[in-house]
C-alpha atoms as a PDB file:
ATOM      1  CA  MET A   1      81.833 127.824  94.740  1.00  0.00           C
ATOM      2  CA  LEU A   2      83.498 124.972  96.643  1.00  0.00           C
ATOM      3  CA  VAL A   3      85.318 124.461  99.914  1.00  0.00           C
ATOM      4  CA  ASN A   4      82.484 126.190 101.751  1.00  0.00           C
ATOM      5  CA  GLY A   5      82.916 129.302  99.640  1.00  0.00           C
ATOM      6  CA  ASN A   6      86.635 129.547 100.377  1.00  0.00           C
ATOM      7  CA  LEU A   7      87.987 128.478  96.991  1.00  0.00           C
ATOM      8  CA  ASP A   8      89.734 131.816  96.427  1.00  0.00           C
ATOM      9  CA  VAL A   9      91.278 131.614  99.884  1.00  0.00           C
ATOM     10  CA  LEU A  10      92.515 128.102  99.181  1.00  0.00           C
ATOM     11  CA  ARG A  11      93.980 129.060  95.808  1.00  0.00           C
ATOM     12  CA  ALA A  12      95.685 132.129  97.267  1.00  0.00           C
ATOM     13  CA  ALA A  13      97.214 130.075 100.066  1.00  0.00           C
ATOM     14  CA  LEU A  14      98.526 127.486  97.589  1.00  0.00           C
ATOM     15  CA  ASN A  15     100.222 130.119  95.455  1.00  0.00           C
ATOM     16  CA  GLU A  16     101.736 132.278  98.183  1.00  0.00           C
ATOM     17  CA  GLU A  17     105.528 132.198  97.867  1.00  0.00           C
ATOM     18  CA  PHE A  18     106.846 129.278  99.972  1.00  0.00           C
ATOM     19  CA  SER A  19     103.403 127.678 100.193  1.00  0.00           C
ATOM     20  CA  GLN A  20     103.917 126.606  96.588  1.00  0.00           C
ATOM     21  CA  GLU A  21     106.438 124.092  97.871  1.00  0.00           C
ATOM     22  CA  ALA A  22     104.695 122.372 100.785  1.00  0.00           C
ATOM     23  CA  ILE A  23     101.365 121.082 102.039  1.00  0.00           C
ATOM     24  CA  MET A  24     100.653 119.290 105.296  1.00  0.00           C
ATOM     25  CA  ILE A  25      97.833 116.753 105.339  1.00  0.00           C
ATOM     26  CA  ARG A  26      96.788 116.043 108.902  1.00  0.00           C
ATOM     27  CA  GLY A  27      94.854 112.990 110.031  1.00  0.00           C
ATOM     28  CA  TYR A  28      94.607 111.325 106.611  1.00  0.00           C
ATOM     29  CA  GLN A  29      92.806 107.971 106.756  1.00  0.00           C
ATOM     30  CA  ASP A  30      93.772 105.582 103.983  1.00  0.00           C
ATOM     31  CA  SER A  31      91.770 102.720 102.493  1.00  0.00           C
ATOM     32  CA  HIS A  32      93.327 100.255 104.957  1.00  0.00           C
ATOM     33  CA  ASP A  33      92.190 102.179 108.059  1.00  0.00           C
ATOM     34  CA  GLY A  34      95.629 103.633 108.678  1.00  0.00           C
ATOM     35  CA  VAL A  35      95.944 107.240 109.828  1.00  0.00           C
ATOM     36  CA  GLN A  36      98.925 109.469 109.096  1.00  0.00           C
ATOM     37  CA  ASN A  37     100.160 113.032 108.974  1.00  0.00           C
ATOM     38  CA  VAL A  38     102.192 113.847 105.870  1.00  0.00           C
ATOM     39  CA  ILE A  39     104.124 116.758 104.388  1.00  0.00           C
ATOM     40  CA  LEU A  40     104.362 116.912 100.599  1.00  0.00           C
ATOM     41  CA  ASN A  41     106.471 118.939  98.211  1.00  0.00           C
ATOM     42  CA  THR A  42     103.802 119.692  95.607  1.00  0.00           C
ATOM     43  CA  ALA A  43     106.281 121.548  93.391  1.00  0.00           C
ATOM     44  CA  ALA A  44     108.253 118.362  92.783  1.00  0.00           C
ATOM     45  CA  SER A  45     108.372 116.877  89.303  1.00  0.00           C
ATOM     46  CA  TYR A  46     107.361 113.258  88.851  1.00  0.00           C
ATOM     47  CA  LEU A  47     109.365 113.055  85.631  1.00  0.00           C
ATOM     48  CA  ASP A  48     112.497 114.225  87.425  1.00  0.00           C
ATOM     49  CA  LEU A  49     112.015 111.421  89.944  1.00  0.00           C
ATOM     50  CA  VAL A  50     111.627 108.951  87.080  1.00  0.00           C
ATOM     51  CA  ARG A  51     114.888 110.137  85.491  1.00  0.00           C
ATOM     52  CA  GLN A  52     116.696 109.852  88.826  1.00  0.00           C
ATOM     53  CA  SER A  53     115.256 106.386  89.406  1.00  0.00           C
ATOM     54  CA  ILE A  54     116.518 105.121  86.041  1.00  0.00           C
ATOM     55  CA  ALA A  55     120.009 106.319  86.946  1.00  0.00           C
ATOM     56  CA  PHE A  56     119.873 104.859  90.459  1.00  0.00           C
ATOM     57  CA  MET A  57     118.707 101.410  89.311  1.00  0.00           C
ATOM     58  CA  ARG A  58     122.210 100.482  88.165  1.00  0.00           C
ATOM     59  CA  PHE A  59     123.548 100.946  91.704  1.00  0.00           C
ATOM     60  CA  ILE A  60     121.155  98.512  93.402  1.00  0.00           C
ATOM     61  CA  PRO A  61     122.975  95.150  93.699  1.00  0.00           C
ATOM     62  CA  THR A  62     120.918  92.199  92.541  1.00  0.00           C
ATOM     63  CA  ALA A  63     122.441  90.147  95.351  1.00  0.00           C
ATOM     64  CA  GLU A  64     120.829  92.426  97.932  1.00  0.00           C
ATOM     65  CA  ILE A  65     117.397  92.013  96.352  1.00  0.00           C
ATOM     66  CA  VAL A  66     117.915  88.237  96.268  1.00  0.00           C
ATOM     67  CA  GLU A  67     118.907  88.230  99.941  1.00  0.00           C
ATOM     68  CA  GLN A  68     115.987  90.461 100.892  1.00  0.00           C
ATOM     69  CA  THR A  69     113.284  88.606  98.989  1.00  0.00           C
ATOM     70  CA  GLY A  70     114.590  85.079  98.500  1.00  0.00           C
ATOM     71  CA  ILE A  71     113.773  85.438  94.800  1.00  0.00           C
ATOM     72  CA  ASP A  72     116.035  83.832  92.195  1.00  0.00           C
ATOM     73  CA  ALA A  73     118.675  86.203  90.755  1.00  0.00           C
ATOM     74  CA  GLU A  74     117.502  85.668  87.169  1.00  0.00           C
ATOM     75  CA  ILE A  75     113.957  86.712  88.081  1.00  0.00           C
ATOM     76  CA  CYS A  76     115.317  89.751  89.939  1.00  0.00           C
ATOM     77  CA  GLU A  77     117.235  90.791  86.824  1.00  0.00           C
ATOM     78  CA  GLN A  78     114.075  90.415  84.742  1.00  0.00           C
ATOM     79  CA  ALA A  79     112.260  92.605  87.260  1.00  0.00           C
ATOM     80  CA  ARG A  80     115.016  95.219  87.007  1.00  0.00           C
ATOM     81  CA  ALA A  81     114.904  95.252  83.198  1.00  0.00           C
ATOM     82  CA  GLU A  82     111.112  95.580  83.097  1.00  0.00           C
ATOM     83  CA  LEU A  83     111.120  98.420  85.621  1.00  0.00           C
ATOM     84  CA  VAL A  84     113.730 100.366  83.666  1.00  0.00           C
ATOM     85  CA  ALA A  85     111.840  99.782  80.406  1.00  0.00           C
ATOM     86  CA  SER A  86     108.612 100.987  82.001  1.00  0.00           C
ATOM     87  CA  MET A  87     110.236 104.161  83.322  1.00  0.00           C
ATOM     88  CA  LYS A  88     111.854 104.899  79.964  1.00  0.00           C
ATOM     89  CA  ASN A  89     108.458 104.429  78.338  1.00  0.00           C
ATOM     90  CA  THR A  90     107.001 106.971  80.761  1.00  0.00           C
ATOM     91  CA  LEU A  91     109.607 109.524  79.681  1.00  0.00           C
ATOM     92  CA  ALA A  92     109.071 108.741  76.001  1.00  0.00           C
ATOM     93  CA  LYS A  93     105.330 109.305  76.349  1.00  0.00           C
ATOM     94  CA  ALA A  94     105.950 112.606  78.088  1.00  0.00           C
ATOM     95  CA  GLU A  95     108.168 113.796  75.233  1.00  0.00           C
ATOM     96  CA  THR A  96     105.420 113.122  72.699  1.00  0.00           C
ATOM     97  CA  GLY A  97     102.763 114.741  74.853  1.00  0.00           C
ATOM     98  CA  GLU A  98     100.886 111.535  75.613  1.00  0.00           C
ATOM     99  CA  SER A  99      98.892 111.393  78.816  1.00  0.00           C
ATOM    100  CA  ASN A 100     100.119 109.724  81.970  1.00  0.00           C
ATOM    101  CA  ASP A 101      97.864 109.906  85.005  1.00  0.00           C
ATOM    102  CA  ALA A 102     100.841 110.220  87.321  1.00  0.00           C
ATOM    103  CA  TYR A 103     101.517 113.755  86.162  1.00  0.00           C
ATOM    104  CA  THR A 104      98.874 114.925  83.670  1.00  0.00           C
ATOM    105  CA  HIS A 105      95.110 115.012  83.270  1.00  0.00           C
ATOM    106  CA  SER A 106      93.732 112.675  80.625  1.00  0.00           C
ATOM    107  CA  ALA A 107      91.028 113.409  78.097  1.00  0.00           C
ATOM    108  CA  ALA A 108      88.778 111.133  80.132  1.00  0.00           C
ATOM    109  CA  ASN A 109      88.765 113.788  82.834  1.00  0.00           C
ATOM    110  CA  LYS A 110      86.132 115.778  80.995  1.00  0.00           C
ATOM    111  CA  ALA A 111      82.350 115.878  81.181  1.00  0.00           C
ATOM    112  CA  ASN A 112      80.345 117.524  78.400  1.00  0.00           C
ATOM    113  CA  GLY A 113      83.537 119.121  77.114  1.00  0.00           C
ATOM    114  CA  LYS A 114      84.304 120.696  80.497  1.00  0.00           C
ATOM    115  CA  ASP A 115      87.285 119.731  82.636  1.00  0.00           C
ATOM    116  CA  THR A 116      86.222 117.599  85.575  1.00  0.00           C
ATOM    117  CA  TYR A 117      89.041 119.074  87.623  1.00  0.00           C
ATOM    118  CA  LYS A 118      89.958 122.662  88.385  1.00  0.00           C
ATOM    119  CA  SER A 119      93.691 123.244  88.753  1.00  0.00           C
ATOM    120  CA  LEU A 120      94.540 125.311  91.845  1.00  0.00           C
ATOM    121  CA  SER A 121      98.330 125.139  91.733  1.00  0.00           C
ATOM    122  CA  HIS A 122     101.083 122.748  90.751  1.00  0.00           C
ATOM    123  CA  GLY A 123     100.172 119.341  92.151  1.00  0.00           C
ATOM    124  CA  VAL A 124      96.746 120.386  93.460  1.00  0.00           C
ATOM    125  CA  LYS A 125      93.410 120.119  91.658  1.00  0.00           C
ATOM    126  CA  LEU A 126      89.796 120.160  92.765  1.00  0.00           C
ATOM    127  CA  HIS A 127      87.028 117.901  91.490  1.00  0.00           C
ATOM    128  CA  ARG A 128      84.310 120.302  90.382  1.00  0.00           C
ATOM    129  CA  GLU A 129      81.352 118.121  91.325  1.00  0.00           C
ATOM    130  CA  THR A 130      82.450 116.289  94.462  1.00  0.00           C
ATOM    131  CA  GLY A 131      84.748 118.867  96.034  1.00  0.00           C
ATOM    132  CA  THR A 132      87.449 116.218  96.420  1.00  0.00           C
ATOM    133  CA  LEU A 133      90.914 117.762  96.622  1.00  0.00           C
ATOM    134  CA  HIS A 134      93.503 115.794  94.631  1.00  0.00           C
ATOM    135  CA  VAL A 135      97.064 116.368  95.809  1.00  0.00           C
ATOM    136  CA  THR A 136     100.222 114.938  94.247  1.00  0.00           C
ATOM    137  CA  GLY A 137     103.830 115.474  95.226  1.00  0.00           C
ATOM    138  CA  MET A 138     106.991 114.110  96.781  1.00  0.00           C
ATOM    139  CA  LEU A 139     106.795 112.850 100.340  1.00  0.00           C
ATOM    140  CA  VAL A 140     108.968 114.934 102.656  1.00  0.00           C
ATOM    141  CA  ASP A 141     107.831 113.614 106.034  1.00  0.00           C
ATOM    142  CA  ARG A 142     105.296 111.115 107.373  1.00  0.00           C
ATOM    143  CA  GLN A 143     104.072 110.414 110.876  1.00  0.00           C
ATOM    144  CA  VAL A 144     102.028 107.241 111.318  1.00  0.00           C
ATOM    145  CA  VAL A 145      99.261 107.744 113.865  1.00  0.00           C
ATOM    146  CA  VAL A 146      97.485 104.411 113.308  1.00  0.00           C
ATOM    147  CA  GLU A 147      99.161 101.536 111.483  1.00  0.00           C
ATOM    148  CA  PRO A 148      97.178 100.303 108.452  1.00  0.00           C
ATOM    149  CA  THR A 149      95.913  96.721 108.271  1.00  0.00           C
ATOM    150  CA  TYR A 150      96.725  95.088 104.959  1.00  0.00           C
ATOM    151  CA  PRO A 151      95.005  91.933 103.698  1.00  0.00           C
ATOM    152  CA  PRO A 152      97.221  88.938 102.852  1.00  0.00           C
ATOM    153  CA  THR A 153      98.539  88.928  99.305  1.00  0.00           C
ATOM    154  CA  ASN A 154      99.831  86.265  96.948  1.00  0.00           C
ATOM    155  CA  LYS A 155     102.155  88.199  94.643  1.00  0.00           C
ATOM    156  CA  ARG A 156     104.197  86.591  91.889  1.00  0.00           C
ATOM    157  CA  ALA A 157     107.940  86.338  92.481  1.00  0.00           C
ATOM    158  CA  LYS A 158     108.753  88.949  89.844  1.00  0.00           C
ATOM    159  CA  THR A 159     106.274  91.396  91.407  1.00  0.00           C
ATOM    160  CA  VAL A 160     107.868  90.908  94.812  1.00  0.00           C
ATOM    161  CA  ALA A 161     111.279  91.652  93.290  1.00  0.00           C
ATOM    162  CA  LYS A 162     109.933  94.763  91.548  1.00  0.00           C
ATOM    163  CA  ASP A 163     108.468  96.023  94.810  1.00  0.00           C
ATOM    164  CA  ALA A 164     111.853  95.564  96.511  1.00  0.00           C
ATOM    165  CA  PHE A 165     113.573  97.612  93.798  1.00  0.00           C
ATOM    166  CA  LYS A 166     110.877 100.304  93.846  1.00  0.00           C
ATOM    167  CA  LYS A 167     111.253 100.907  97.577  1.00  0.00           C
ATOM    168  CA  ARG A 168     114.833 102.062  96.960  1.00  0.00           C
ATOM    169  CA  LEU A 169     114.038 104.499  94.166  1.00  0.00           C
ATOM    170  CA  PRO A 170     113.233 108.240  94.262  1.00  0.00           C
ATOM    171  CA  THR A 171     109.832 107.473  92.691  1.00  0.00           C
ATOM    172  CA  SER A 172     108.899 105.619  95.901  1.00  0.00           C
ATOM    173  CA  LYS A 173     108.434 109.036  97.499  1.00  0.00           C
ATOM    174  CA  TRP A 174     105.777 110.099  94.990  1.00  0.00           C
ATOM    175  CA  ARG A 175     102.312 110.262  96.537  1.00  0.00           C
ATOM    176  CA  GLN A 176      98.760 110.907  95.359  1.00  0.00           C
ATOM    177  CA  TYR A 177      95.956 111.710  97.776  1.00  0.00           C
ATOM    178  CA  LYS A 178      92.221 112.215  97.270  1.00  0.00           C
ATOM    179  CA  LEU A 179      91.021 114.315 100.188  1.00  0.00           C
ATOM    180  CA  THR A 180      87.375 114.424 101.249  1.00  0.00           C
ATOM    181  CA  SER A 181      85.422 115.555 104.273  1.00  0.00           C
ATOM    182  CA  THR A 182      85.478 111.972 105.592  1.00  0.00           C
ATOM    183  CA  ASN A 183      89.130 110.957 105.244  1.00  0.00           C
ATOM    184  CA  VAL A 184      91.128 113.978 106.389  1.00  0.00           C
ATOM    185  CA  GLU A 185      91.228 116.034 109.561  1.00  0.00           C
ATOM    186  CA  ALA A 186      92.767 119.160 108.027  1.00  0.00           C
ATOM    187  CA  VAL A 187      94.996 120.517 105.269  1.00  0.00           C
ATOM    188  CA  VAL A 188      97.592 123.082 106.313  1.00  0.00           C
ATOM    189  CA  ILE A 189      98.944 125.461 103.670  1.00  0.00           C
ATOM    190  CA  GLY A 190     101.264 128.168 104.913  1.00  0.00           C
ATOM    191  CA  GLU A 191      99.455 129.856 107.785  1.00  0.00           C
ATOM    192  CA  GLN A 192      96.023 128.706 106.592  1.00  0.00           C
ATOM    193  CA  THR A 193      94.305 125.613 107.982  1.00  0.00           C
ATOM    194  CA  PHE A 194      91.368 124.100 106.082  1.00  0.00           C
ATOM    195  CA  GLU A 195      89.357 121.640 108.145  1.00  0.00           C
ATOM    196  CA  GLY A 196      88.290 118.364 106.515  1.00  0.00           C
ATOM    197  CA  ASP A 197      84.633 119.296 106.345  1.00  0.00           C
ATOM    198  CA  ALA A 198      85.571 122.181 104.028  1.00  0.00           C
ATOM    199  CA  PHE A 199      85.848 119.765 101.106  1.00  0.00           C
ATOM    200  CA  THR A 200      82.225 119.375 100.094  1.00  0.00           C
ATOM    201  CA  SER A 201      80.359 119.165  96.822  1.00  0.00           C
ATOM    202  CA  GLU A 202      79.498 122.144  94.681  1.00  0.00           C
ATOM    203  CA  SER A 203      76.142 123.663  95.604  1.00  0.00           C
END
């Protein structure tokens, strides 16, 4: 159906014992022309990382964020409070079954009553029409092959402070990738290697 007729092979590889825990993405090119090789734990739980991050926030000294960013301590404390509130809101939504794109599929991901995505395993889904492989999980290892080039930004002080906090939290290791035939060299799952050109649209 997709992946050059190897959908069953891909699904089997994803669900084979230890392969359920890890995926290697080789030669991934991001939107800023950077290239990297990454290993993801696709069995990881985003909500668990959120819970851990809420607990860890209390141990990050405001003084260190102030020293790192040059942002006023009061603004840094506001950034801390807003981050914690946002993470608690994420957990509250999860408890009531509300959608959050970080870990669930929303109702918008349907076309004519049919799911746009086909779930292959925990953290891995396939776009039915484009063949794009969507992978989410916790970053285990990353090798930068080509450094990305970022455009200059003009972030507000509170945003800068939030970014400094976020970099220290478990949630900073959460990643989402959309893999296509043009932005990835290969995906390695267990002993199976799927070349980038395998991810094509449904015929």
